[in-house]
Amino acid sequence: MSITVIPAIDLKGGRCVRLRQGLAGEETVYSDNPADVARQWEEQGGTYLHVVDLDGAFGGKPAHTDVIGEIVKAVSMPIEVGGGLRTNDDIDVLLEMGVDRAVVGTRVYSEPDTLDELIGRYGARLAVGIDARDGKVQVKGWTETTEETALALAKRADQAGLTTLIFTDTARDGMMQGVNVDAIDEVCATVRCSVIASGGVTHKDDFVSLNALGRKNLVGAIVGKALYEGVVTIQELQG
């Protein structure tokens, strides 16, 4: 079975943007109306949507709750949202407004004791996002690189009963230079939970390479800049 194409919407200042390697100063604005972009991805065949509140990630608290609410109302496909979700209240607000899955990252690293509690409370409606550079976990909107390896954190989350893990190679993100297949293969081999790949997915060949791994727990891949730049379409990737 082919992995799912998951288009991405990154929010900054109320607009839909893409960053190069997550750098706030390397910003390209694609739309002033993120809800319209969400509708566009659904019309093109998208079946799941990945949304990141970049201002939330950098600031440590959600900054686009209203905009995310508009996106939820604009489309029928399920949506996962991450960025600045440092408290249960932050997560609850999103889930109550209709978001399918909340993505936590920094909190899982900085408050490791909360992992069991979070998974027990939210179950399949919680995903853990692991953002890594050179194999090391990055937090706070990729502004800090830790000493913990991505594989160690992935294993810890998996053992706690996590159902979905999102792995991003931040060096590849927004660069349109291809996906880090080897790193994703390692993550999939380390955990039993479902894995979503992110960072650098650009061409049909990237999807062919990911599918060729034969990892049954590799269920999706997030695509951003390549869609916005018109390098590839959702239909081409799904074909």
Foldseek 3Di string as FASTA:
>chain_A
DFFAEEEEFEDDPQFTWFAQLLDPVRIDTQGNQVLVVLLVQVVLPHQEYEYEDLCLLQVLAHDCLVSVLSNQVSDDHAYEYEGNCQDVVRVVSNVVSPHQAYEAEQNCVVPVVCLLVVCVVQPQRYEYEFEDEPQFGAGSSNPDTDPDGSLVSLLSNQVSPHAEYEYEHSNQAPVLPAFPLVVVLSSLVSHDHAYEYEGNPADLVNSVSNVVSVRPSDRYYYDYPNCSVVVDGSVRNVD
